[in-house]
């Protein structure tokens, strides 16, 4: 049952474009004891169908700018090969720490953005 709720949360965030892996990977590693490499691979496998469906919906709502998407996709796909090879080469604990640092940097960025937004509203 837990995996169903976890998948629901990951799918919801993934569909909104917020990255379901931010929920799925930590939950798999922390709560289910899955090794970091396996959790990240499971996330990628789950991401593909979520991304296809979400892209179709966002595109039908006119939210996808083809030129910008193509400019982002080509280098991202090319470099993803290097990223996958690098992740496979890293020990699982190092990969886990790097992912944790990435999540902390995202959280800090969002916290500062919220703080700046609240500060700007007070000065208006």
PDB file of N, CA and C in Angstrom:
ATOM      1  N   UNK A   1       0.824  -1.195   0.000  1.00  0.00           N
ATOM      2  CA  UNK A   1       0.000   0.000   0.000  1.00  0.00           C
ATOM      3  C   UNK A   1       0.870   1.261   0.000  1.00  0.00           C
ATOM      4  N   UNK A   2       1.987   1.174   0.752  1.00  0.00           N
ATOM      5  CA  UNK A   2       2.878   2.328   0.850  1.00  0.00           C
ATOM      6  C   UNK A   2       3.432   2.718  -0.514  1.00  0.00           C
ATOM      7  N   UNK A   3       3.809   1.732  -1.311  1.00  0.00           N
ATOM      8  CA  UNK A   3       4.381   2.018  -2.626  1.00  0.00           C
ATOM      9  C   UNK A   3       3.343   2.671  -3.536  1.00  0.00           C
ATOM     10  N   UNK A   4       2.069   2.340  -3.366  1.00  0.00           N
ATOM     11  CA  UNK A   4       1.008   2.956  -4.172  1.00  0.00           C
ATOM     12  C   UNK A   4       0.876   4.436  -3.820  1.00  0.00           C
ATOM     13  N   UNK A   5       0.872   4.755  -2.527  1.00  0.00           N
ATOM     14  CA  UNK A   5       0.789   6.161  -2.102  1.00  0.00           C
ATOM     15  C   UNK A   5       2.018   6.942  -2.550  1.00  0.00           C
ATOM     16  N   UNK A   6       3.167   6.316  -2.433  1.00  0.00           N
ATOM     17  CA  UNK A   6       4.415   6.935  -2.867  1.00  0.00           C
ATOM     18  C   UNK A   6       4.382   7.215  -4.365  1.00  0.00           C
ATOM     19  N   UNK A   7       3.919   6.251  -5.127  1.00  0.00           N
ATOM     20  CA  UNK A   7       3.829   6.419  -6.581  1.00  0.00           C
ATOM     21  C   UNK A   7       2.819   7.493  -6.952  1.00  0.00           C
ATOM     22  N   UNK A   8       1.734   7.577  -6.198  1.00  0.00           N
ATOM     23  CA  UNK A   8       0.737   8.625  -6.425  1.00  0.00           C
ATOM     24  C   UNK A   8       1.372  10.003  -6.246  1.00  0.00           C
ATOM     25  N   UNK A   9       2.110  10.198  -5.153  1.00  0.00           N
ATOM     26  CA  UNK A   9       2.766  11.488  -4.892  1.00  0.00           C
ATOM     27  C   UNK A   9       3.801  11.802  -5.964  1.00  0.00           C
ATOM     28  N   UNK A  10       4.594  10.806  -6.344  1.00  0.00           N
ATOM     29  CA  UNK A  10       5.611  11.017  -7.376  1.00  0.00           C
ATOM     30  C   UNK A  10       4.961  11.353  -8.713  1.00  0.00           C
ATOM     31  N   UNK A  11       3.880  10.664  -9.056  1.00  0.00           N
ATOM     32  CA  UNK A  11       3.176  10.940 -10.309  1.00  0.00           C
ATOM     33  C   UNK A  11       2.561  12.323 -10.325  1.00  0.00           C
ATOM     34  N   UNK A  12       2.002  12.736  -9.199  1.00  0.00           N
ATOM     35  CA  UNK A  12       1.404  14.069  -9.105  1.00  0.00           C
ATOM     36  C   UNK A  12       2.463  15.147  -9.315  1.00  0.00           C
ATOM     37  N   UNK A  13       3.583  15.034  -8.602  1.00  0.00           N
ATOM     38  CA  UNK A  13       4.652  16.027  -8.767  1.00  0.00           C
ATOM     39  C   UNK A  13       5.266  15.962 -10.158  1.00  0.00           C
ATOM     40  N   UNK A  14       5.481  14.750 -10.661  1.00  0.00           N
ATOM     41  CA  UNK A  14       6.043  14.599 -12.001  1.00  0.00           C
ATOM     42  C   UNK A  14       5.143  15.200 -13.064  1.00  0.00           C
ATOM     43  N   UNK A  15       3.843  14.982 -12.935  1.00  0.00           N
ATOM     44  CA  UNK A  15       2.889  15.536 -13.891  1.00  0.00           C
ATOM     45  C   UNK A  15       2.843  17.045 -13.861  1.00  0.00           C
ATOM     46  N   UNK A  16       3.127  17.617 -12.701  1.00  0.00           N
ATOM     47  CA  UNK A  16       3.142  19.074 -12.568  1.00  0.00           C
ATOM     48  C   UNK A  16       4.478  19.660 -13.023  1.00  0.00           C
ATOM     49  N   UNK A  17       5.424  18.791 -13.397  1.00  0.00           N
ATOM     50  CA  UNK A  17       6.726  19.261 -13.851  1.00  0.00           C
ATOM     51  C   UNK A  17       7.681  19.573 -12.716  1.00  0.00           C
ATOM     52  N   UNK A  18       7.385  19.062 -11.525  1.00  0.00           N
ATOM     53  CA  UNK A  18       8.221  19.358 -10.362  1.00  0.00           C
ATOM     54  C   UNK A  18       9.208  18.247 -10.042  1.00  0.00           C
ATOM     55  N   UNK A  19       9.221  17.204 -10.826  1.00  0.00           N
ATOM     56  CA  UNK A  19      10.177  16.139 -10.593  1.00  0.00           C
ATOM     57  C   UNK A  19       9.710  15.143  -9.547  1.00  0.00           C
ATOM     58  N   UNK A  20       9.064  14.097  -9.990  1.00  0.00           N
ATOM     59  CA  UNK A  20       8.609  13.062  -9.077  1.00  0.00           C
ATOM     60  C   UNK A  20       9.742  12.375  -8.345  1.00  0.00           C
ATOM     61  N   UNK A  21      10.944  12.446  -8.915  1.00  0.00           N
ATOM     62  CA  UNK A  21      12.111  11.830  -8.277  1.00  0.00           C
ATOM     63  C   UNK A  21      12.473  12.455  -6.950  1.00  0.00           C
ATOM     64  N   UNK A  22      12.052  13.704  -6.742  1.00  0.00           N
ATOM     65  CA  UNK A  22      12.338  14.343  -5.455  1.00  0.00           C
ATOM     66  C   UNK A  22      11.570  13.657  -4.330  1.00  0.00           C
ATOM     67  N   UNK A  23      10.503  12.964  -4.663  1.00  0.00           N
ATOM     68  CA  UNK A  23       9.745  12.172  -3.694  1.00  0.00           C
ATOM     69  C   UNK A  23      10.154  10.705  -3.779  1.00  0.00           C
ATOM     70  N   UNK A  24      10.183  10.180  -4.989  1.00  0.00           N
ATOM     71  CA  UNK A  24      10.374   8.750  -5.197  1.00  0.00           C
ATOM     72  C   UNK A  24      11.743   8.260  -4.733  1.00  0.00           C
ATOM     73  N   UNK A  25      12.797   8.930  -5.114  1.00  0.00           N
ATOM     74  CA  UNK A  25      14.143   8.453  -4.775  1.00  0.00           C
ATOM     75  C   UNK A  25      14.392   8.464  -3.270  1.00  0.00           C
ATOM     76  N   UNK A  26      14.152   9.586  -2.565  1.00  0.00           N
ATOM     77  CA  UNK A  26      14.375   9.535  -1.111  1.00  0.00           C
ATOM     78  C   UNK A  26      13.482   8.510  -0.410  1.00  0.00           C
ATOM     79  N   UNK A  27      12.239   8.389  -0.837  1.00  0.00           N
ATOM     80  CA  UNK A  27      11.337   7.433  -0.190  1.00  0.00           C
ATOM     81  C   UNK A  27      11.806   5.998  -0.406  1.00  0.00           C
ATOM     82  N   UNK A  28      12.235   5.683  -1.614  1.00  0.00           N
ATOM     83  CA  UNK A  28      12.728   4.330  -1.876  1.00  0.00           C
ATOM     84  C   UNK A  28      13.971   4.017  -1.055  1.00  0.00           C
ATOM     85  N   UNK A  29      14.875   4.985  -0.948  1.00  0.00           N
ATOM     86  CA  UNK A  29      16.121   4.728  -0.217  1.00  0.00           C
ATOM     87  C   UNK A  29      15.924   4.762   1.297  1.00  0.00           C
ATOM     88  N   UNK A  30      15.174   5.721   1.786  1.00  0.00           N
ATOM     89  CA  UNK A  30      15.021   5.893   3.234  1.00  0.00           C
ATOM     90  C   UNK A  30      14.033   4.891   3.822  1.00  0.00           C
ATOM     91  N   UNK A  31      12.845   4.805   3.241  1.00  0.00           N
ATOM     92  CA  UNK A  31      11.786   3.997   3.840  1.00  0.00           C
ATOM     93  C   UNK A  31      11.792   2.538   3.399  1.00  0.00           C
ATOM     94  N   UNK A  32      12.258   2.280   2.184  1.00  0.00           N
ATOM     95  CA  UNK A  32      12.241   0.904   1.694  1.00  0.00           C
ATOM     96  C   UNK A  32      13.627   0.276   1.628  1.00  0.00           C
ATOM     97  N   UNK A  33      14.671   1.055   1.945  1.00  0.00           N
ATOM     98  CA  UNK A  33      16.027   0.517   1.985  1.00  0.00           C
ATOM     99  C   UNK A  33      16.610   0.146   0.632  1.00  0.00           C
ATOM    100  N   UNK A  34      16.085   0.730  -0.426  1.00  0.00           N
ATOM    101  CA  UNK A  34      16.578   0.449  -1.777  1.00  0.00           C
ATOM    102  C   UNK A  34      17.903   1.184  -1.980  1.00  0.00           C
ATOM    103  N   UNK A  35      18.862   0.529  -2.621  1.00  0.00           N
ATOM    104  CA  UNK A  35      20.154   1.151  -2.906  1.00  0.00           C
ATOM    105  C   UNK A  35      19.954   2.345  -3.849  1.00  0.00           C
ATOM    106  N   UNK A  36      20.779   3.373  -3.684  1.00  0.00           N
ATOM    107  CA  UNK A  36      20.643   4.619  -4.441  1.00  0.00           C
ATOM    108  C   UNK A  36      20.622   4.385  -5.949  1.00  0.00           C
ATOM    109  N   UNK A  37      21.540   3.568  -6.453  1.00  0.00           N
ATOM    110  CA  UNK A  37      21.575   3.300  -7.897  1.00  0.00           C
ATOM    111  C   UNK A  37      20.255   2.691  -8.382  1.00  0.00           C
ATOM    112  N   UNK A  38      19.722   1.764  -7.620  1.00  0.00           N
ATOM    113  CA  UNK A  38      18.477   1.092  -7.995  1.00  0.00           C
ATOM    114  C   UNK A  38      17.302   2.067  -7.929  1.00  0.00           C
ATOM    115  N   UNK A  39      17.280   2.909  -6.897  1.00  0.00           N
ATOM    116  CA  UNK A  39      16.203   3.898  -6.753  1.00  0.00           C
ATOM    117  C   UNK A  39      16.212   4.883  -7.915  1.00  0.00           C
ATOM    118  N   UNK A  40      17.387   5.318  -8.314  1.00  0.00           N
ATOM    119  CA  UNK A  40      17.468   6.270  -9.421  1.00  0.00           C
ATOM    120  C   UNK A  40      17.064   5.612 -10.738  1.00  0.00           C
ATOM    121  N   UNK A  41      17.427   4.352 -10.922  1.00  0.00           N
ATOM    122  CA  UNK A  41      17.014   3.643 -12.135  1.00  0.00           C
ATOM    123  C   UNK A  41      15.496   3.443 -12.146  1.00  0.00           C
ATOM    124  N   UNK A  42      14.923   3.097 -10.993  1.00  0.00           N
ATOM    125  CA  UNK A  42      13.464   2.938 -10.902  1.00  0.00           C
ATOM    126  C   UNK A  42      12.768   4.257 -11.205  1.00  0.00           C
ATOM    127  N   UNK A  43      13.337   5.346 -10.717  1.00  0.00           N
ATOM    128  CA  UNK A  43      12.770   6.664 -10.993  1.00  0.00           C
ATOM    129  C   UNK A  43      12.783   6.963 -12.490  1.00  0.00           C
ATOM    130  N   UNK A  44      13.877   6.644 -13.146  1.00  0.00           N
ATOM    131  CA  UNK A  44      13.958   6.884 -14.592  1.00  0.00           C
ATOM    132  C   UNK A  44      12.927   6.046 -15.344  1.00  0.00           C
ATOM    133  N   UNK A  45      12.755   4.794 -14.931  1.00  0.00           N
ATOM    134  CA  UNK A  45      11.770   3.929 -15.587  1.00  0.00           C
ATOM    135  C   UNK A  45      10.355   4.476 -15.392  1.00  0.00           C
ATOM    136  N   UNK A  46      10.070   4.992 -14.208  1.00  0.00           N
ATOM    137  CA  UNK A  46       8.747   5.565 -13.939  1.00  0.00           C
ATOM    138  C   UNK A  46       8.573   6.904 -14.639  1.00  0.00           C
ATOM    139  N   UNK A  47       9.668   7.626 -14.820  1.00  0.00           N
ATOM    140  CA  UNK A  47       9.621   8.966 -15.391  1.00  0.00           C
ATOM    141  C   UNK A  47       9.186   8.961 -16.856  1.00  0.00           C
ATOM    142  N   UNK A  48       9.602   7.974 -17.609  1.00  0.00           N
ATOM    143  CA  UNK A  48       9.335   7.971 -19.054  1.00  0.00           C
ATOM    144  C   UNK A  48       7.835   8.041 -19.363  1.00  0.00           C
ATOM    145  N   UNK A  49       7.004   7.128 -18.848  1.00  0.00           N
ATOM    146  CA  UNK A  49       5.574   7.255 -19.164  1.00  0.00           C
ATOM    147  C   UNK A  49       4.941   8.514 -18.570  1.00  0.00           C
ATOM    148  N   UNK A  50       5.390   8.909 -17.362  1.00  0.00           N
ATOM    149  CA  UNK A  50       4.847  10.142 -16.768  1.00  0.00           C
ATOM    150  C   UNK A  50       5.172  11.342 -17.641  1.00  0.00           C
ATOM    151  N   UNK A  51       6.393  11.396 -18.142  1.00  0.00           N
ATOM    152  CA  UNK A  51       6.818  12.530 -18.959  1.00  0.00           C
ATOM    153  C   UNK A  51       6.052  12.585 -20.274  1.00  0.00           C
ATOM    154  N   UNK A  52       5.849  11.443 -20.900  1.00  0.00           N
ATOM    155  CA  UNK A  52       5.134  11.408 -22.181  1.00  0.00           C
ATOM    156  C   UNK A  52       3.703  11.918 -22.007  1.00  0.00           C
ATOM    157  N   UNK A  53       3.015  11.418 -21.001  1.00  0.00           N
ATOM    158  CA  UNK A  53       1.626  11.832 -20.766  1.00  0.00           C
ATOM    159  C   UNK A  53       1.557  13.307 -20.378  1.00  0.00           C
ATOM    160  N   UNK A  54       2.430  13.732 -19.468  1.00  0.00           N
ATOM    161  CA  UNK A  54       2.433  15.133 -19.027  1.00  0.00           C
ATOM    162  C   UNK A  54       2.763  16.074 -20.175  1.00  0.00           C
ATOM    163  N   UNK A  55       3.730  15.691 -21.007  1.00  0.00           N
ATOM    164  CA  UNK A  55       4.099  16.521 -22.150  1.00  0.00           C
ATOM    165  C   UNK A  55       2.923  16.671 -23.107  1.00  0.00           C
ATOM    166  N   UNK A  56       2.194  15.596 -23.343  1.00  0.00           N
ATOM    167  CA  UNK A  56       1.028  15.663 -24.227  1.00  0.00           C
ATOM    168  C   UNK A  56      -0.013  16.635 -23.667  1.00  0.00           C
ATOM    169  N   UNK A  57      -0.281  16.555 -22.376  1.00  0.00           N
ATOM    170  CA  UNK A  57      -1.276  17.440 -21.758  1.00  0.00           C
ATOM    171  C   UNK A  57      -0.806  18.890 -21.784  1.00  0.00           C
ATOM    172  N   UNK A  58       0.442  19.133 -21.385  1.00  0.00           N
ATOM    173  CA  UNK A  58       0.960  20.507 -21.387  1.00  0.00           C
ATOM    174  C   UNK A  58       1.012  21.071 -22.810  1.00  0.00           C
ATOM    175  N   UNK A  59       1.348  20.221 -23.768  1.00  0.00           N
ATOM    176  CA  UNK A  59       1.392  20.662 -25.162  1.00  0.00           C
ATOM    177  C   UNK A  59      -0.005  21.016 -25.664  1.00  0.00           C
ATOM    178  N   UNK A  60      -1.003  20.197 -25.326  1.00  0.00           N
ATOM    179  CA  UNK A  60      -2.368  20.491 -25.775  1.00  0.00           C
ATOM    180  C   UNK A  60      -2.918  21.757 -25.125  1.00  0.00           C
ATOM    181  N   UNK A  61      -2.350  22.159 -23.998  1.00  0.00           N
ATOM    182  CA  UNK A  61      -2.737  23.412 -23.342  1.00  0.00           C
ATOM    183  C   UNK A  61      -1.910  24.600 -23.830  1.00  0.00           C
ATOM    184  N   UNK A  62      -1.066  24.366 -24.848  1.00  0.00           N
ATOM    185  CA  UNK A  62      -0.272  25.444 -25.431  1.00  0.00           C
ATOM    186  C   UNK A  62       0.889  25.910 -24.573  1.00  0.00           C
ATOM    187  N   UNK A  63       1.369  25.056 -23.682  1.00  0.00           N
ATOM    188  CA  UNK A  63       2.432  25.462 -22.761  1.00  0.00           C
ATOM    189  C   UNK A  63       3.830  25.045 -23.213  1.00  0.00           C
ATOM    190  N   UNK A  64       3.936  24.343 -24.337  1.00  0.00           N
ATOM    191  CA  UNK A  64       5.234  23.864 -24.810  1.00  0.00           C
ATOM    192  C   UNK A  64       5.676  24.714 -25.990  1.00  0.00           C
ATOM    193  N   UNK A  65       6.813  25.354 -25.869  1.00  0.00           N
ATOM    194  CA  UNK A  65       7.396  26.161 -26.946  1.00  0.00           C
ATOM    195  C   UNK A  65       8.421  25.294 -27.672  1.00  0.00           C
ATOM    196  N   UNK A  66       8.094  24.858 -28.868  1.00  0.00           N
ATOM    197  CA  UNK A  66       8.887  23.878 -29.598  1.00  0.00           C
ATOM    198  C   UNK A  66      10.349  24.277 -29.740  1.00  0.00           C
ATOM    199  N   UNK A  67      10.627  25.514 -30.101  1.00  0.00           N
ATOM    200  CA  UNK A  67      12.012  25.949 -30.282  1.00  0.00           C
ATOM    201  C   UNK A  67      12.826  25.822 -29.008  1.00  0.00           C
ATOM    202  N   UNK A  68      12.262  26.251 -27.916  1.00  0.00           N
ATOM    203  CA  UNK A  68      12.960  26.158 -26.637  1.00  0.00           C
ATOM    204  C   UNK A  68      13.147  24.727 -26.185  1.00  0.00           C
ATOM    205  N   UNK A  69      12.145  23.895 -26.446  1.00  0.00           N
ATOM    206  CA  UNK A  69      12.229  22.488 -26.057  1.00  0.00           C
ATOM    207  C   UNK A  69      13.342  21.796 -26.826  1.00  0.00           C
ATOM    208  N   UNK A  70      13.391  22.015 -28.133  1.00  0.00           N
ATOM    209  CA  UNK A  70      14.437  21.379 -28.937  1.00  0.00           C
ATOM    210  C   UNK A  70      15.823  21.856 -28.530  1.00  0.00           C
ATOM    211  N   UNK A  71      15.947  23.136 -28.225  1.00  0.00           N
ATOM    212  CA  UNK A  71      17.244  23.670 -27.799  1.00  0.00           C
ATOM    213  C   UNK A  71      17.681  23.059 -26.474  1.00  0.00           C
ATOM    214  N   UNK A  72      16.740  22.685 -25.635  1.00  0.00           N
ATOM    215  CA  UNK A  72      17.072  22.074 -24.345  1.00  0.00           C
ATOM    216  C   UNK A  72      17.279  20.565 -24.467  1.00  0.00           C
ATOM    217  N   UNK A  73      16.506  19.921 -25.322  1.00  0.00           N
ATOM    218  CA  UNK A  73      16.559  18.459 -25.419  1.00  0.00           C
ATOM    219  C   UNK A  73      17.874  17.960 -25.992  1.00  0.00           C
ATOM    220  N   UNK A  74      18.325  18.550 -27.068  1.00  0.00           N
ATOM    221  CA  UNK A  74      19.505  18.017 -27.750  1.00  0.00           C
ATOM    222  C   UNK A  74      20.737  17.953 -26.848  1.00  0.00           C
ATOM    223  N   UNK A  75      21.146  19.049 -26.199  1.00  0.00           N
ATOM    224  CA  UNK A  75      22.312  18.921 -25.319  1.00  0.00           C
ATOM    225  C   UNK A  75      22.032  18.056 -24.088  1.00  0.00           C
ATOM    226  N   UNK A  76      20.807  18.091 -23.572  1.00  0.00           N
ATOM    227  CA  UNK A  76      20.481  17.290 -22.386  1.00  0.00           C
ATOM    228  C   UNK A  76      20.601  15.798 -22.681  1.00  0.00           C
ATOM    229  N   UNK A  77      20.106  15.376 -23.826  1.00  0.00           N
ATOM    230  CA  UNK A  77      20.200  13.961 -24.197  1.00  0.00           C
ATOM    231  C   UNK A  77      21.659  13.559 -24.378  1.00  0.00           C
ATOM    232  N   UNK A  78      22.433  14.403 -25.038  1.00  0.00           N
ATOM    233  CA  UNK A  78      23.846  14.088 -25.261  1.00  0.00           C
ATOM    234  C   UNK A  78      24.603  13.951 -23.939  1.00  0.00           C
ATOM    235  N   UNK A  79      24.373  14.862 -23.030  1.00  0.00           N
ATOM    236  CA  UNK A  79      25.110  14.861 -21.763  1.00  0.00           C
ATOM    237  C   UNK A  79      24.550  13.809 -20.798  1.00  0.00           C
ATOM    238  N   UNK A  80      23.304  13.385 -20.996  1.00  0.00           N
ATOM    239  CA  UNK A  80      22.733  12.373 -20.102  1.00  0.00           C
ATOM    240  C   UNK A  80      23.498  11.055 -20.177  1.00  0.00           C
ATOM    241  N   UNK A  81      24.098  10.771 -21.309  1.00  0.00           N
ATOM    242  CA  UNK A  81      24.928   9.570 -21.435  1.00  0.00           C
ATOM    243  C   UNK A  81      26.100   9.662 -20.462  1.00  0.00           C
ATOM    244  N   UNK A  82      26.749  10.815 -20.430  1.00  0.00           N
ATOM    245  CA  UNK A  82      27.861  11.010 -19.491  1.00  0.00           C
ATOM    246  C   UNK A  82      27.379  10.929 -18.047  1.00  0.00           C
ATOM    247  N   UNK A  83      26.220  11.518 -17.772  1.00  0.00           N
ATOM    248  CA  UNK A  83      25.672  11.474 -16.420  1.00  0.00           C
ATOM    249  C   UNK A  83      25.374  10.053 -15.974  1.00  0.00           C
ATOM    250  N   UNK A  84      24.804   9.250 -16.862  1.00  0.00           N
ATOM    251  CA  UNK A  84      24.493   7.859 -16.522  1.00  0.00           C
ATOM    252  C   UNK A  84      25.767   7.057 -16.277  1.00  0.00           C
ATOM    253  N   UNK A  85      26.766   7.270 -17.108  1.00  0.00           N
ATOM    254  CA  UNK A  85      28.044   6.573 -16.914  1.00  0.00           C
ATOM    255  C   UNK A  85      28.710   7.002 -15.613  1.00  0.00           C
ATOM    256  N   UNK A  86      28.668   8.292 -15.321  1.00  0.00           N
ATOM    257  CA  UNK A  86      29.257   8.818 -14.088  1.00  0.00           C
ATOM    258  C   UNK A  86      28.528   8.264 -12.866  1.00  0.00           C
ATOM    259  N   UNK A  87      27.195   8.229 -12.905  1.00  0.00           N
ATOM    260  CA  UNK A  87      26.411   7.701 -11.785  1.00  0.00           C
ATOM    261  C   UNK A  87      26.707   6.218 -11.562  1.00  0.00           C
ATOM    262  N   UNK A  88      26.851   5.463 -12.641  1.00  0.00           N
ATOM    263  CA  UNK A  88      27.156   4.036 -12.518  1.00  0.00           C
ATOM    264  C   UNK A  88      28.550   3.815 -11.937  1.00  0.00           C
ATOM    265  N   UNK A  89      29.467   4.724 -12.206  1.00  0.00           N
ATOM    266  CA  UNK A  89      30.846   4.616 -11.726  1.00  0.00           C
ATOM    267  C   UNK A  89      30.961   4.982 -10.249  1.00  0.00           C
ATOM    268  N   UNK A  90      30.147   5.927  -9.790  1.00  0.00           N
ATOM    269  CA  UNK A  90      30.225   6.385  -8.401  1.00  0.00           C
ATOM    270  C   UNK A  90      29.744   5.318  -7.424  1.00  0.00           C
ATOM    271  N   UNK A  91      30.391   5.238  -6.261  1.00  0.00           N
ATOM    272  CA  UNK A  91      29.843   4.376  -5.207  1.00  0.00           C
ATOM    273  C   UNK A  91      28.459   4.886  -4.792  1.00  0.00           C
ATOM    274  N   UNK A  92      27.586   3.978  -4.396  1.00  0.00           N
ATOM    275  CA  UNK A  92      26.206   4.329  -4.062  1.00  0.00           C
ATOM    276  C   UNK A  92      26.127   5.398  -2.978  1.00  0.00           C
ATOM    277  N   UNK A  93      26.997   5.318  -1.973  1.00  0.00           N
ATOM    278  CA  UNK A  93      26.952   6.294  -0.879  1.00  0.00           C
ATOM    279  C   UNK A  93      27.317   7.694  -1.375  1.00  0.00           C
ATOM    280  N   UNK A  94      28.270   7.795  -2.274  1.00  0.00           N
ATOM    281  CA  UNK A  94      28.644   9.099  -2.839  1.00  0.00           C
ATOM    282  C   UNK A  94      27.487   9.645  -3.668  1.00  0.00           C
ATOM    283  N   UNK A  95      26.878   8.786  -4.462  1.00  0.00           N
ATOM    284  CA  UNK A  95      25.735   9.197  -5.278  1.00  0.00           C
ATOM    285  C   UNK A  95      24.592   9.678  -4.387  1.00  0.00           C
ATOM    286  N   UNK A  96      24.384   8.978  -3.282  1.00  0.00           N
ATOM    287  CA  UNK A  96      23.331   9.363  -2.337  1.00  0.00           C
ATOM    288  C   UNK A  96      23.616  10.735  -1.736  1.00  0.00           C
ATOM    289  N   UNK A  97      24.853  10.982  -1.366  1.00  0.00           N
ATOM    290  CA  UNK A  97      25.217  12.281  -0.784  1.00  0.00           C
ATOM    291  C   UNK A  97      25.084  13.406  -1.813  1.00  0.00           C
ATOM    292  N   UNK A  98      25.490  13.144  -3.038  1.00  0.00           N
ATOM    293  CA  UNK A  98      25.346  14.158  -4.091  1.00  0.00           C
ATOM    294  C   UNK A  98      23.872  14.475  -4.339  1.00  0.00           C
ATOM    295  N   UNK A  99      23.034  13.453  -4.353  1.00  0.00           N
ATOM    296  CA  UNK A  99      21.603  13.674  -4.546  1.00  0.00           C
ATOM    297  C   UNK A  99      21.028  14.456  -3.374  1.00  0.00           C
ATOM    298  N   UNK A 100      21.458  14.126  -2.165  1.00  0.00           N
ATOM    299  CA  UNK A 100      21.015  14.870  -0.981  1.00  0.00           C
ATOM    300  C   UNK A 100      21.427  16.328  -1.045  1.00  0.00           C
ATOM    301  N   UNK A 101      22.666  16.582  -1.461  1.00  0.00           N
ATOM    302  CA  UNK A 101      23.144  17.963  -1.595  1.00  0.00           C
ATOM    303  C   UNK A 101      22.334  18.709  -2.656  1.00  0.00           C
ATOM    304  N   UNK A 102      21.993  18.020  -3.732  1.00  0.00           N
ATOM    305  CA  UNK A 102      21.169  18.618  -4.779  1.00  0.00           C
ATOM    306  C   UNK A 102      19.796  19.005  -4.228  1.00  0.00           C
ATOM    307  N   UNK A 103      19.171  18.099  -3.466  1.00  0.00           N
ATOM    308  CA  UNK A 103      17.859  18.402  -2.885  1.00  0.00           C
ATOM    309  C   UNK A 103      17.941  19.558  -1.895  1.00  0.00           C
ATOM    310  N   UNK A 104      19.006  19.594  -1.087  1.00  0.00           N
ATOM    311  CA  UNK A 104      19.179  20.701  -0.140  1.00  0.00           C
ATOM    312  C   UNK A 104      19.353  22.029  -0.867  1.00  0.00           C
ATOM    313  N   UNK A 105      20.095  22.019  -1.985  1.00  0.00           N
ATOM    314  CA  UNK A 105      20.278  23.263  -2.737  1.00  0.00           C
ATOM    315  C   UNK A 105      18.958  23.729  -3.348  1.00  0.00           C
ATOM    316  N   UNK A 106      18.131  22.787  -3.807  1.00  0.00           N
ATOM    317  CA  UNK A 106      16.804  23.156  -4.315  1.00  0.00           C
ATOM    318  C   UNK A 106      15.948  23.756  -3.208  1.00  0.00           C
ATOM    319  N   UNK A 107      15.983  23.130  -2.043  1.00  0.00           N
ATOM    320  CA  UNK A 107      15.192  23.630  -0.913  1.00  0.00           C
ATOM    321  C   UNK A 107      15.658  25.022  -0.501  1.00  0.00           C
ATOM    322  N   UNK A 108      16.967  25.232  -0.439  1.00  0.00           N
ATOM    323  CA  UNK A 108      17.501  26.547  -0.064  1.00  0.00           C
ATOM    324  C   UNK A 108      17.106  27.600  -1.088  1.00  0.00           C
ATOM    325  N   UNK A 109      17.196  27.249  -2.362  1.00  0.00           N
ATOM    326  CA  UNK A 109      16.817  28.184  -3.418  1.00  0.00           C
ATOM    327  C   UNK A 109      15.358  28.590  -3.280  1.00  0.00           C
ATOM    328  N   UNK A 110      14.482  27.625  -3.042  1.00  0.00           N
ATOM    329  CA  UNK A 110      13.057  27.929  -2.888  1.00  0.00           C
ATOM    330  C   UNK A 110      12.794  28.760  -1.640  1.00  0.00           C
ATOM    331  N   UNK A 111      13.487  28.435  -0.547  1.00  0.00           N
ATOM    332  CA  UNK A 111      13.305  29.197   0.695  1.00  0.00           C
ATOM    333  C   UNK A 111      13.720  30.652   0.498  1.00  0.00           C
ATOM    334  N   UNK A 112      14.847  30.873  -0.161  1.00  0.00           N
ATOM    335  CA  UNK A 112      15.297  32.249  -0.408  1.00  0.00           C
ATOM    336  C   UNK A 112      14.338  32.979  -1.342  1.00  0.00           C
ATOM    337  N   UNK A 113      13.810  32.285  -2.350  1.00  0.00           N
ATOM    338  CA  UNK A 113      12.857  32.914  -3.273  1.00  0.00           C
ATOM    339  C   UNK A 113      11.586  33.322  -2.534  1.00  0.00           C
ATOM    340  N   UNK A 114      11.117  32.473  -1.640  1.00  0.00           N
ATOM    341  CA  UNK A 114       9.925  32.806  -0.850  1.00  0.00           C
ATOM    342  C   UNK A 114      10.215  33.986   0.062  1.00  0.00           C
ATOM    343  N   UNK A 115      11.385  33.969   0.702  1.00  0.00           N
ATOM    344  CA  UNK A 115      11.769  35.059   1.603  1.00  0.00           C
ATOM    345  C   UNK A 115      11.867  36.381   0.842  1.00  0.00           C
ATOM    346  N   UNK A 116      12.510  36.342  -0.333  1.00  0.00           N
ATOM    347  CA  UNK A 116      12.628  37.561  -1.147  1.00  0.00           C
ATOM    348  C   UNK A 116      11.261  38.057  -1.577  1.00  0.00           C
ATOM    349  N   UNK A 117      10.371  37.136  -1.952  1.00  0.00           N
ATOM    350  CA  UNK A 117       9.020  37.515  -2.362  1.00  0.00           C
ATOM    351  C   UNK A 117       8.248  38.162  -1.231  1.00  0.00           C
ATOM    352  N   UNK A 118       8.361  37.606  -0.032  1.00  0.00           N
ATOM    353  CA  UNK A 118       7.673  38.179   1.133  1.00  0.00           C
ATOM    354  C   UNK A 118       8.264  39.534   1.485  1.00  0.00           C
ATOM    355  N   UNK A 119       9.575  39.664   1.364  1.00  0.00           N
ATOM    356  CA  UNK A 119      10.248  40.929   1.667  1.00  0.00           C
ATOM    357  C   UNK A 119       9.828  42.004   0.669  1.00  0.00           C
ATOM    358  N   UNK A 120       9.742  41.639  -0.615  1.00  0.00           N
ATOM    359  CA  UNK A 120       9.337  42.598  -1.649  1.00  0.00           C
ATOM    360  C   UNK A 120       7.892  43.040  -1.465  1.00  0.00           C
ATOM    361  N   UNK A 121       7.007  42.148  -1.022  1.00  0.00           N
ATOM    362  CA  UNK A 121       5.605  42.508  -0.804  1.00  0.00           C
ATOM    363  C   UNK A 121       5.462  43.486   0.350  1.00  0.00           C
ATOM    364  N   UNK A 122       6.295  43.345   1.387  1.00  0.00           N
ATOM    365  CA  UNK A 122       6.231  44.256   2.531  1.00  0.00           C
ATOM    366  C   UNK A 122       6.676  45.657   2.152  1.00  0.00           C
ATOM    367  N   UNK A 123       7.630  45.766   1.213  1.00  0.00           N
ATOM    368  CA  UNK A 123       8.141  47.083   0.833  1.00  0.00           C
ATOM    369  C   UNK A 123       7.252  47.780  -0.193  1.00  0.00           C
ATOM    370  N   UNK A 124       6.274  47.068  -0.758  1.00  0.00           N
ATOM    371  CA  UNK A 124       5.368  47.686  -1.756  1.00  0.00           C
ATOM    372  C   UNK A 124       4.386  48.635  -1.134  1.00  0.00           C
TER     373      UNK A 124
END
